C-alpha cells in the first residue's frame, strides 16, 4: 500500500483535521450557512482570541483580540494568566457583537461567575452562536482556554458548554456550582492573596518573583479593582483603534496619466502626422 503524505499543518502538529471537520460540519437543512468558531490560542507572551467562519476558499475572520490590547484598558501585567484570558475573550465577543450590531441586545453587565449559556430572546434578533476551538490544547479543568470562553459567553456570544471545566465545579455535587470561586479567579483574587502571603513570609522571593509588578507600582490589594475597571471599559468601548503610519501621501506626485477624450487623441495624432510630414 502506497504511503500517503499527511497535510502540512498535521505534520507540523498545528491542526487536528478530524476535530476541525467536526467543528465546521453543518447540517443540510442549514442551507450552507457557515458555522462560527471561537478560536483560542495561548502563546508564551499573549492570549489570542479570534472568530472565524469556514468557507471552501478558506477561513474568514469576523473579529479578533489579543491580550496585548488590554494595556489600553489598564491591565499592564500578567497578560497570559487566567484573568487576562477572560478579559481577552470578553473583548473579542464585545467587538464581534458591535460589528453585528448586537451589543445592546446581548451581554452581561455584572460579572458574578454564575454559569449561564446565552439564549435567544423572544423579541429581537437571535443570539450569535459560536463553537469553541481550542486546537491541540488540553481540555483540563481550570484551563485558560475555558476562561477565554467564559469571557466570550459573558460578553454575549452563545457558546454551548457545561460548567465542568470551571473552578467551583465539584464532580461529587455537580448541581452545587460555586460561582464565588470562579469569580475570584476571574478577578485575580488568588494572585493577590498569594502576593500578600509571600510578601509577609519571604520578602526576597517576593521581590524576585513579582519584580514586574513592583516596578509598575501595583499593590496586591488593588488588583481586583484594576480588573473590575478594565472589564467595564471593555464593555463601554471594545473597538480596535485604526493604525496610522504617520505619513501624509497627499503631496506625493502621481505618475498615473489622466485620461483624455477622443477628440484630444485625434488632435494629438494629427499633430504627430503634421510633424512627420514637415520633417520629410
C-alpha atoms as a PDB file:
ATOM      1  CA  UNK A   1       0.000   0.000   0.000  1.00  0.00           C
ATOM      2  CA  UNK A   2       1.382   3.391  -1.013  1.00  0.00           C
ATOM      3  CA  UNK A   3       2.277   5.769   1.808  1.00  0.00           C
ATOM      4  CA  UNK A   4       0.162   8.925   1.783  1.00  0.00           C
ATOM      5  CA  UNK A   5       1.829  12.099   2.987  1.00  0.00           C
ATOM      6  CA  UNK A   6      -0.203  13.892   5.649  1.00  0.00           C
ATOM      7  CA  UNK A   7      -1.260  17.525   5.363  1.00  0.00           C
ATOM      8  CA  UNK A   8       1.391  20.114   6.133  1.00  0.00           C
ATOM      9  CA  UNK A   9      -0.296  21.518   9.244  1.00  0.00           C
ATOM     10  CA  UNK A  10      -0.824  17.965  10.520  1.00  0.00           C
ATOM     11  CA  UNK A  11       2.867  17.201  10.037  1.00  0.00           C
ATOM     12  CA  UNK A  12       3.730  20.401  11.898  1.00  0.00           C
ATOM     13  CA  UNK A  13       1.412  19.439  14.754  1.00  0.00           C
ATOM     14  CA  UNK A  14      -0.775  22.535  14.352  1.00  0.00           C
ATOM     15  CA  UNK A  15      -4.145  21.205  13.143  1.00  0.00           C
ATOM     16  CA  UNK A  16      -6.138  18.114  14.010  1.00  0.00           C
ATOM     17  CA  UNK A  17      -8.240  17.789  10.876  1.00  0.00           C
ATOM     18  CA  UNK A  18     -10.750  15.341  12.320  1.00  0.00           C
ATOM     19  CA  UNK A  19     -11.576  17.791  15.100  1.00  0.00           C
ATOM     20  CA  UNK A  20     -11.684  20.658  12.602  1.00  0.00           C
ATOM     21  CA  UNK A  21     -14.093  18.760  10.350  1.00  0.00           C
ATOM     22  CA  UNK A  22     -16.406  18.056  13.282  1.00  0.00           C
ATOM     23  CA  UNK A  23     -16.368  21.755  14.172  1.00  0.00           C
ATOM     24  CA  UNK A  24     -17.161  23.122  10.709  1.00  0.00           C
ATOM     25  CA  UNK A  25     -19.571  20.405   9.502  1.00  0.00           C
ATOM     26  CA  UNK A  26     -23.031  21.901   9.052  1.00  0.00           C
ATOM     27  CA  UNK A  27     -26.480  20.300   8.814  1.00  0.00           C
ATOM     28  CA  UNK A  28     -28.006  20.043   5.343  1.00  0.00           C
ATOM     29  CA  UNK A  29     -31.122  21.933   6.390  1.00  0.00           C
ATOM     30  CA  UNK A  30     -28.986  24.979   7.249  1.00  0.00           C
ATOM     31  CA  UNK A  31     -28.512  25.684   3.516  1.00  0.00           C
ATOM     32  CA  UNK A  32     -24.717  26.161   3.575  1.00  0.00           C
ATOM     33  CA  UNK A  33     -24.804  28.658   6.433  1.00  0.00           C
ATOM     34  CA  UNK A  34     -21.191  28.599   7.701  1.00  0.00           C
ATOM     35  CA  UNK A  35     -20.582  27.827  11.360  1.00  0.00           C
ATOM     36  CA  UNK A  36     -18.647  30.296  13.502  1.00  0.00           C
ATOM     37  CA  UNK A  37     -15.713  29.104  15.610  1.00  0.00           C
ATOM     38  CA  UNK A  38     -14.384  30.886  18.671  1.00  0.00           C
ATOM     39  CA  UNK A  39     -10.670  30.096  18.377  1.00  0.00           C
ATOM     40  CA  UNK A  40      -8.421  30.443  21.444  1.00  0.00           C
ATOM     41  CA  UNK A  41      -4.641  30.148  21.236  1.00  0.00           C
ATOM     42  CA  UNK A  42      -2.198  30.868  24.086  1.00  0.00           C
ATOM     43  CA  UNK A  43       1.488  31.610  23.460  1.00  0.00           C
ATOM     44  CA  UNK A  44       4.327  32.402  25.859  1.00  0.00           C
ATOM     45  CA  UNK A  45       3.577  36.137  25.707  1.00  0.00           C
ATOM     46  CA  UNK A  46      -0.121  36.616  24.957  1.00  0.00           C
ATOM     47  CA  UNK A  47      -3.615  35.173  24.603  1.00  0.00           C
ATOM     48  CA  UNK A  48      -5.232  35.304  21.158  1.00  0.00           C
ATOM     49  CA  UNK A  49      -8.996  35.057  20.585  1.00  0.00           C
ATOM     50  CA  UNK A  50     -10.481  35.020  17.087  1.00  0.00           C
ATOM     51  CA  UNK A  51     -13.859  34.280  15.497  1.00  0.00           C
ATOM     52  CA  UNK A  52     -13.725  32.503  12.142  1.00  0.00           C
ATOM     53  CA  UNK A  53     -16.173  31.223   9.563  1.00  0.00           C
ATOM     54  CA  UNK A  54     -15.086  28.330   7.333  1.00  0.00           C
ATOM     55  CA  UNK A  55     -15.667  28.542   3.569  1.00  0.00           C
ATOM     56  CA  UNK A  56     -14.445  26.454   0.653  1.00  0.00           C
ATOM     57  CA  UNK A  57     -11.828  29.010  -0.342  1.00  0.00           C
ATOM     58  CA  UNK A  58     -10.616  29.383   3.255  1.00  0.00           C
ATOM     59  CA  UNK A  59     -11.491  30.763   6.683  1.00  0.00           C
ATOM     60  CA  UNK A  60     -12.804  34.303   7.005  1.00  0.00           C
ATOM     61  CA  UNK A  61     -12.101  36.382  10.086  1.00  0.00           C
ATOM     62  CA  UNK A  62     -15.058  38.030  11.840  1.00  0.00           C
ATOM     63  CA  UNK A  63     -13.317  39.604  14.849  1.00  0.00           C
ATOM     64  CA  UNK A  64     -10.119  39.184  16.833  1.00  0.00           C
ATOM     65  CA  UNK A  65      -8.427  40.373  20.019  1.00  0.00           C
ATOM     66  CA  UNK A  66      -5.246  39.584  21.900  1.00  0.00           C
ATOM     67  CA  UNK A  67      -4.130  40.281  25.444  1.00  0.00           C
ATOM     68  CA  UNK A  68      -1.580  42.948  24.421  1.00  0.00           C
ATOM     69  CA  UNK A  69      -4.567  45.212  23.715  1.00  0.00           C
ATOM     70  CA  UNK A  70      -5.521  45.062  27.398  1.00  0.00           C
ATOM     71  CA  UNK A  71      -2.869  47.669  28.179  1.00  0.00           C
ATOM     72  CA  UNK A  72      -5.251  50.259  26.748  1.00  0.00           C
ATOM     73  CA  UNK A  73      -7.801  49.263  29.411  1.00  0.00           C
ATOM     74  CA  UNK A  74      -5.381  49.414  32.331  1.00  0.00           C
ATOM     75  CA  UNK A  75      -4.131  45.800  32.505  1.00  0.00           C
ATOM     76  CA  UNK A  76      -0.365  46.053  32.042  1.00  0.00           C
ATOM     77  CA  UNK A  77       0.659  42.892  33.897  1.00  0.00           C
ATOM     78  CA  UNK A  78       0.044  39.149  33.688  1.00  0.00           C
ATOM     79  CA  UNK A  79      -1.032  39.126  30.034  1.00  0.00           C
ATOM     80  CA  UNK A  80      -1.179  35.307  29.911  1.00  0.00           C
ATOM     81  CA  UNK A  81      -2.903  34.470  33.202  1.00  0.00           C
ATOM     82  CA  UNK A  82      -6.490  33.354  33.867  1.00  0.00           C
ATOM     83  CA  UNK A  83      -7.872  36.872  34.277  1.00  0.00           C
ATOM     84  CA  UNK A  84      -6.198  38.115  31.082  1.00  0.00           C
ATOM     85  CA  UNK A  85      -7.666  35.162  29.180  1.00  0.00           C
ATOM     86  CA  UNK A  86     -11.141  36.080  30.430  1.00  0.00           C
ATOM     87  CA  UNK A  87     -10.649  39.749  29.520  1.00  0.00           C
ATOM     88  CA  UNK A  88      -9.412  38.863  26.010  1.00  0.00           C
ATOM     89  CA  UNK A  89     -12.440  36.644  25.392  1.00  0.00           C
ATOM     90  CA  UNK A  90     -14.732  39.394  26.656  1.00  0.00           C
ATOM     91  CA  UNK A  91     -13.053  41.962  24.377  1.00  0.00           C
ATOM     92  CA  UNK A  92     -13.329  39.714  21.311  1.00  0.00           C
ATOM     93  CA  UNK A  93     -17.014  38.994  21.992  1.00  0.00           C
ATOM     94  CA  UNK A  94     -17.973  42.639  22.514  1.00  0.00           C
ATOM     95  CA  UNK A  95     -16.045  43.601  19.376  1.00  0.00           C
ATOM     96  CA  UNK A  96     -17.840  40.957  17.288  1.00  0.00           C
ATOM     97  CA  UNK A  97     -21.284  41.914  18.600  1.00  0.00           C
ATOM     98  CA  UNK A  98     -20.583  45.572  17.853  1.00  0.00           C
ATOM     99  CA  UNK A  99     -19.787  44.665  14.243  1.00  0.00           C
ATOM    100  CA  UNK A 100     -23.044  42.683  14.062  1.00  0.00           C
ATOM    101  CA  UNK A 101     -24.984  45.482  15.847  1.00  0.00           C
ATOM    102  CA  UNK A 102     -25.984  43.178  18.716  1.00  0.00           C
ATOM    103  CA  UNK A 103     -24.047  44.875  21.519  1.00  0.00           C
ATOM    104  CA  UNK A 104     -27.220  46.353  23.076  1.00  0.00           C
ATOM    105  CA  UNK A 105     -29.229  43.122  22.822  1.00  0.00           C
ATOM    106  CA  UNK A 106     -26.797  40.690  24.424  1.00  0.00           C
ATOM    107  CA  UNK A 107     -24.134  40.889  27.104  1.00  0.00           C
ATOM    108  CA  UNK A 108     -23.748  40.537  30.840  1.00  0.00           C
ATOM    109  CA  UNK A 109     -23.232  43.697  32.847  1.00  0.00           C
ATOM    110  CA  UNK A 110     -22.305  42.227  36.238  1.00  0.00           C
ATOM    111  CA  UNK A 111     -19.585  39.573  36.327  1.00  0.00           C
ATOM    112  CA  UNK A 112     -20.611  37.223  39.129  1.00  0.00           C
ATOM    113  CA  UNK A 113     -19.145  33.893  37.939  1.00  0.00           C
ATOM    114  CA  UNK A 114     -22.541  32.245  37.549  1.00  0.00           C
ATOM    115  CA  UNK A 115     -22.873  29.505  34.939  1.00  0.00           C
ATOM    116  CA  UNK A 116     -25.065  30.674  32.075  1.00  0.00           C
ATOM    117  CA  UNK A 117     -25.378  29.959  28.350  1.00  0.00           C
ATOM    118  CA  UNK A 118     -26.727  32.831  26.228  1.00  0.00           C
ATOM    119  CA  UNK A 119     -30.143  32.022  24.778  1.00  0.00           C
ATOM    120  CA  UNK A 120     -32.245  33.681  22.098  1.00  0.00           C
ATOM    121  CA  UNK A 121     -34.594  36.422  23.169  1.00  0.00           C
ATOM    122  CA  UNK A 122     -38.284  36.157  22.343  1.00  0.00           C
ATOM    123  CA  UNK A 123     -38.410  39.639  20.863  1.00  0.00           C
ATOM    124  CA  UNK A 124     -35.447  40.879  18.879  1.00  0.00           C
ATOM    125  CA  UNK A 125     -32.554  39.316  16.973  1.00  0.00           C
ATOM    126  CA  UNK A 126     -31.261  35.874  17.782  1.00  0.00           C
ATOM    127  CA  UNK A 127     -28.002  35.330  19.654  1.00  0.00           C
ATOM    128  CA  UNK A 128     -24.752  34.906  17.762  1.00  0.00           C
ATOM    129  CA  UNK A 129     -23.709  31.241  18.101  1.00  0.00           C
ATOM    130  CA  UNK A 130     -20.054  30.138  18.113  1.00  0.00           C
ATOM    131  CA  UNK A 131     -18.341  26.852  18.895  1.00  0.00           C
ATOM    132  CA  UNK A 132     -15.174  26.670  20.964  1.00  0.00           C
ATOM    133  CA  UNK A 133     -11.976  25.695  19.128  1.00  0.00           C
ATOM    134  CA  UNK A 134      -9.046  25.047  21.485  1.00  0.00           C
ATOM    135  CA  UNK A 135      -6.795  23.424  18.878  1.00  0.00           C
ATOM    136  CA  UNK A 136      -4.321  20.963  20.378  1.00  0.00           C
ATOM    137  CA  UNK A 137      -4.563  22.363  23.927  1.00  0.00           C
ATOM    138  CA  UNK A 138      -5.504  20.002  26.767  1.00  0.00           C
ATOM    139  CA  UNK A 139      -9.091  20.352  27.934  1.00  0.00           C
ATOM    140  CA  UNK A 140      -8.302  20.110  31.640  1.00  0.00           C
ATOM    141  CA  UNK A 141     -10.362  21.638  34.439  1.00  0.00           C
ATOM    142  CA  UNK A 142      -9.416  25.268  35.067  1.00  0.00           C
ATOM    143  CA  UNK A 143      -7.543  25.688  31.763  1.00  0.00           C
ATOM    144  CA  UNK A 144      -7.136  29.238  30.485  1.00  0.00           C
ATOM    145  CA  UNK A 145      -8.860  28.445  27.186  1.00  0.00           C
ATOM    146  CA  UNK A 146     -12.078  27.963  29.148  1.00  0.00           C
ATOM    147  CA  UNK A 147     -11.532  31.303  30.900  1.00  0.00           C
ATOM    148  CA  UNK A 148     -11.496  32.940  27.453  1.00  0.00           C
ATOM    149  CA  UNK A 149     -14.669  31.046  26.573  1.00  0.00           C
ATOM    150  CA  UNK A 150     -16.315  32.257  29.787  1.00  0.00           C
ATOM    151  CA  UNK A 151     -15.373  35.840  28.897  1.00  0.00           C
ATOM    152  CA  UNK A 152     -16.911  35.469  25.436  1.00  0.00           C
ATOM    153  CA  UNK A 153     -20.051  33.913  26.940  1.00  0.00           C
ATOM    154  CA  UNK A 154     -20.422  36.772  29.433  1.00  0.00           C
ATOM    155  CA  UNK A 155     -19.771  39.163  26.539  1.00  0.00           C
ATOM    156  CA  UNK A 156     -22.952  37.994  24.801  1.00  0.00           C
ATOM    157  CA  UNK A 157     -21.908  35.172  22.448  1.00  0.00           C
ATOM    158  CA  UNK A 158     -23.829  31.912  22.727  1.00  0.00           C
ATOM    159  CA  UNK A 159     -21.221  29.143  23.146  1.00  0.00           C
ATOM    160  CA  UNK A 160     -22.610  25.706  24.088  1.00  0.00           C
ATOM    161  CA  UNK A 161     -20.711  24.477  27.160  1.00  0.00           C
ATOM    162  CA  UNK A 162     -21.021  22.916  30.587  1.00  0.00           C
ATOM    163  CA  UNK A 163     -19.586  24.117  33.933  1.00  0.00           C
ATOM    164  CA  UNK A 164     -17.407  21.025  34.424  1.00  0.00           C
ATOM    165  CA  UNK A 165     -14.233  22.829  33.224  1.00  0.00           C
ATOM    166  CA  UNK A 166     -14.593  25.847  35.531  1.00  0.00           C
ATOM    167  CA  UNK A 167     -13.243  26.468  39.008  1.00  0.00           C
ATOM    168  CA  UNK A 168     -16.001  25.882  41.531  1.00  0.00           C
ATOM    169  CA  UNK A 169     -17.336  22.715  39.917  1.00  0.00           C
ATOM    170  CA  UNK A 170     -17.491  19.644  42.148  1.00  0.00           C
ATOM    171  CA  UNK A 171     -17.835  16.244  40.473  1.00  0.00           C
ATOM    172  CA  UNK A 172     -19.451  14.754  43.566  1.00  0.00           C
ATOM    173  CA  UNK A 173     -22.044  17.572  43.739  1.00  0.00           C
ATOM    174  CA  UNK A 174     -22.405  18.831  40.159  1.00  0.00           C
ATOM    175  CA  UNK A 175     -25.542  20.816  40.955  1.00  0.00           C
ATOM    176  CA  UNK A 176     -23.810  22.881  43.655  1.00  0.00           C
ATOM    177  CA  UNK A 177     -21.662  25.093  41.444  1.00  0.00           C
ATOM    178  CA  UNK A 178     -19.540  27.543  43.464  1.00  0.00           C
ATOM    179  CA  UNK A 179     -19.794  30.754  41.421  1.00  0.00           C
ATOM    180  CA  UNK A 180     -17.840  32.734  44.015  1.00  0.00           C
ATOM    181  CA  UNK A 181     -14.753  30.563  43.445  1.00  0.00           C
ATOM    182  CA  UNK A 182     -14.869  31.211  39.695  1.00  0.00           C
ATOM    183  CA  UNK A 183     -15.408  34.942  40.246  1.00  0.00           C
ATOM    184  CA  UNK A 184     -12.341  35.106  42.499  1.00  0.00           C
ATOM    185  CA  UNK A 185     -10.240  33.506  39.743  1.00  0.00           C
ATOM    186  CA  UNK A 186     -11.576  35.915  37.124  1.00  0.00           C
ATOM    187  CA  UNK A 187     -10.696  38.940  39.272  1.00  0.00           C
ATOM    188  CA  UNK A 188      -7.263  37.569  40.211  1.00  0.00           C
ATOM    189  CA  UNK A 189      -8.015  37.219  43.906  1.00  0.00           C
ATOM    190  CA  UNK A 190      -5.877  34.085  44.169  1.00  0.00           C
ATOM    191  CA  UNK A 191      -2.896  36.025  42.765  1.00  0.00           C
ATOM    192  CA  UNK A 192      -3.335  38.930  45.170  1.00  0.00           C
ATOM    193  CA  UNK A 193      -3.676  36.596  48.176  1.00  0.00           C
ATOM    194  CA  UNK A 194      -0.520  34.725  47.170  1.00  0.00           C
ATOM    195  CA  UNK A 195       1.363  38.001  46.704  1.00  0.00           C
ATOM    196  CA  UNK A 196       0.366  39.204  50.170  1.00  0.00           C
ATOM    197  CA  UNK A 197       1.303  35.920  51.855  1.00  0.00           C
ATOM    198  CA  UNK A 198       4.639  35.728  50.008  1.00  0.00           C
ATOM    199  CA  UNK A 199       5.463  39.344  50.846  1.00  0.00           C
ATOM    200  CA  UNK A 200       4.976  38.590  54.541  1.00  0.00           C
ATOM    201  CA  UNK A 201       6.735  35.208  54.591  1.00  0.00           C
ATOM    202  CA  UNK A 202       9.637  35.702  52.153  1.00  0.00           C
ATOM    203  CA  UNK A 203      10.240  39.337  51.063  1.00  0.00           C
ATOM    204  CA  UNK A 204      13.298  38.450  48.952  1.00  0.00           C
ATOM    205  CA  UNK A 205      11.425  35.854  46.923  1.00  0.00           C
ATOM    206  CA  UNK A 206       8.504  38.274  46.572  1.00  0.00           C
ATOM    207  CA  UNK A 207      10.784  40.969  45.113  1.00  0.00           C
ATOM    208  CA  UNK A 208      12.293  38.480  42.681  1.00  0.00           C
ATOM    209  CA  UNK A 209       9.075  36.781  41.585  1.00  0.00           C
ATOM    210  CA  UNK A 210       6.908  39.917  41.296  1.00  0.00           C
ATOM    211  CA  UNK A 211       9.567  42.402  40.209  1.00  0.00           C
ATOM    212  CA  UNK A 212       7.470  43.467  37.220  1.00  0.00           C
ATOM    213  CA  UNK A 213       4.525  44.300  39.477  1.00  0.00           C
ATOM    214  CA  UNK A 214       6.782  46.251  41.855  1.00  0.00           C
ATOM    215  CA  UNK A 215       8.306  48.306  39.011  1.00  0.00           C
ATOM    216  CA  UNK A 216       4.836  49.324  37.822  1.00  0.00           C
ATOM    217  CA  UNK A 217       3.723  50.170  41.361  1.00  0.00           C
ATOM    218  CA  UNK A 218       0.941  47.584  41.508  1.00  0.00           C
ATOM    219  CA  UNK A 219      -0.211  46.780  45.022  1.00  0.00           C
ATOM    220  CA  UNK A 220      -1.737  43.305  45.587  1.00  0.00           C
ATOM    221  CA  UNK A 221      -4.851  44.777  47.185  1.00  0.00           C
ATOM    222  CA  UNK A 222      -5.539  46.890  44.053  1.00  0.00           C
ATOM    223  CA  UNK A 223      -5.516  44.036  41.521  1.00  0.00           C
ATOM    224  CA  UNK A 224      -9.231  43.246  41.814  1.00  0.00           C
ATOM    225  CA  UNK A 225     -10.139  46.900  41.280  1.00  0.00           C
ATOM    226  CA  UNK A 226      -7.896  47.113  38.198  1.00  0.00           C
ATOM    227  CA  UNK A 227      -9.648  44.142  36.595  1.00  0.00           C
ATOM    228  CA  UNK A 228     -13.098  45.435  37.516  1.00  0.00           C
ATOM    229  CA  UNK A 229     -12.377  48.819  35.919  1.00  0.00           C
ATOM    230  CA  UNK A 230     -10.909  47.135  32.822  1.00  0.00           C
ATOM    231  CA  UNK A 231     -13.983  44.940  32.311  1.00  0.00           C
ATOM    232  CA  UNK A 232     -16.302  47.949  32.474  1.00  0.00           C
ATOM    233  CA  UNK A 233     -14.111  49.855  29.976  1.00  0.00           C
ATOM    234  CA  UNK A 234     -14.196  46.908  27.577  1.00  0.00           C
ATOM    235  CA  UNK A 235     -17.989  46.842  27.696  1.00  0.00           C
ATOM    236  CA  UNK A 236     -18.124  50.583  27.024  1.00  0.00           C
ATOM    237  CA  UNK A 237     -15.649  50.759  24.138  1.00  0.00           C
ATOM    238  CA  UNK A 238     -14.406  47.489  22.599  1.00  0.00           C
ATOM    239  CA  UNK A 239     -13.440  48.998  19.236  1.00  0.00           C
ATOM    240  CA  UNK A 240      -9.946  48.481  17.906  1.00  0.00           C
ATOM    241  CA  UNK A 241      -8.172  51.763  17.070  1.00  0.00           C
ATOM    242  CA  UNK A 242      -7.114  52.124  13.462  1.00  0.00           C
ATOM    243  CA  UNK A 243      -3.389  52.116  12.824  1.00  0.00           C
ATOM    244  CA  UNK A 244      -1.719  55.023  11.030  1.00  0.00           C
ATOM    245  CA  UNK A 245       1.930  55.113   9.996  1.00  0.00           C
ATOM    246  CA  UNK A 246       2.130  58.907  10.359  1.00  0.00           C
ATOM    247  CA  UNK A 247       2.872  59.637   6.692  1.00  0.00           C
ATOM    248  CA  UNK A 248       0.906  62.113   4.608  1.00  0.00           C
ATOM    249  CA  UNK A 249       0.713  60.969   0.999  1.00  0.00           C
ATOM    250  CA  UNK A 250      -1.388  63.884  -0.266  1.00  0.00           C
ATOM    251  CA  UNK A 251       1.637  65.832  -1.538  1.00  0.00           C
ATOM    252  CA  UNK A 252       3.231  62.862  -3.334  1.00  0.00           C
ATOM    253  CA  UNK A 253       3.469  63.073  -7.125  1.00  0.00           C
ATOM    254  CA  UNK A 254       1.061  60.860  -9.040  1.00  0.00           C
ATOM    255  CA  UNK A 255       2.550  59.012 -12.005  1.00  0.00           C
ATOM    256  CA  UNK A 256      -0.782  57.893 -13.429  1.00  0.00           C
ATOM    257  CA  UNK A 257      -1.562  59.900 -16.560  1.00  0.00           C
ATOM    258  CA  UNK A 258      -5.042  61.403 -16.627  1.00  0.00           C
ATOM    259  CA  UNK A 259      -7.435  60.081 -19.245  1.00  0.00           C
ATOM    260  CA  UNK A 260      -8.022  62.214 -22.364  1.00  0.00           C
ATOM    261  CA  UNK A 261     -11.088  62.404 -24.581  1.00  0.00           C
ATOM    262  CA  UNK A 262     -11.430  61.030 -28.131  1.00  0.00           C
ATOM    263  CA  UNK A 263     -11.178  64.499 -29.720  1.00  0.00           C
ATOM    264  CA  UNK A 264      -7.952  65.167 -27.819  1.00  0.00           C
ATOM    265  CA  UNK A 265      -6.484  61.858 -29.007  1.00  0.00           C
ATOM    266  CA  UNK A 266      -7.385  62.638 -32.659  1.00  0.00           C
ATOM    267  CA  UNK A 267      -5.812  66.055 -32.261  1.00  0.00           C
ATOM    268  CA  UNK A 268      -2.554  64.515 -30.960  1.00  0.00           C
ATOM    269  CA  UNK A 269      -2.474  62.088 -33.896  1.00  0.00           C
ATOM    270  CA  UNK A 270      -2.969  64.947 -36.381  1.00  0.00           C
ATOM    271  CA  UNK A 271      -0.159  66.900 -34.739  1.00  0.00           C
ATOM    272  CA  UNK A 272       2.200  63.887 -34.971  1.00  0.00           C
ATOM    273  CA  UNK A 273       1.345  63.318 -38.643  1.00  0.00           C
ATOM    274  CA  UNK A 274       1.872  67.008 -39.404  1.00  0.00           C
ATOM    275  CA  UNK A 275       5.280  66.965 -37.675  1.00  0.00           C
ATOM    276  CA  UNK A 276       6.329  63.844 -39.674  1.00  0.00           C
ATOM    277  CA  UNK A 277       5.286  65.448 -42.989  1.00  0.00           C
ATOM    278  CA  UNK A 278       7.164  68.643 -42.117  1.00  0.00           C
ATOM    279  CA  UNK A 279      10.373  66.653 -41.427  1.00  0.00           C
ATOM    280  CA  UNK A 280      10.124  64.850 -44.761  1.00  0.00           C
END
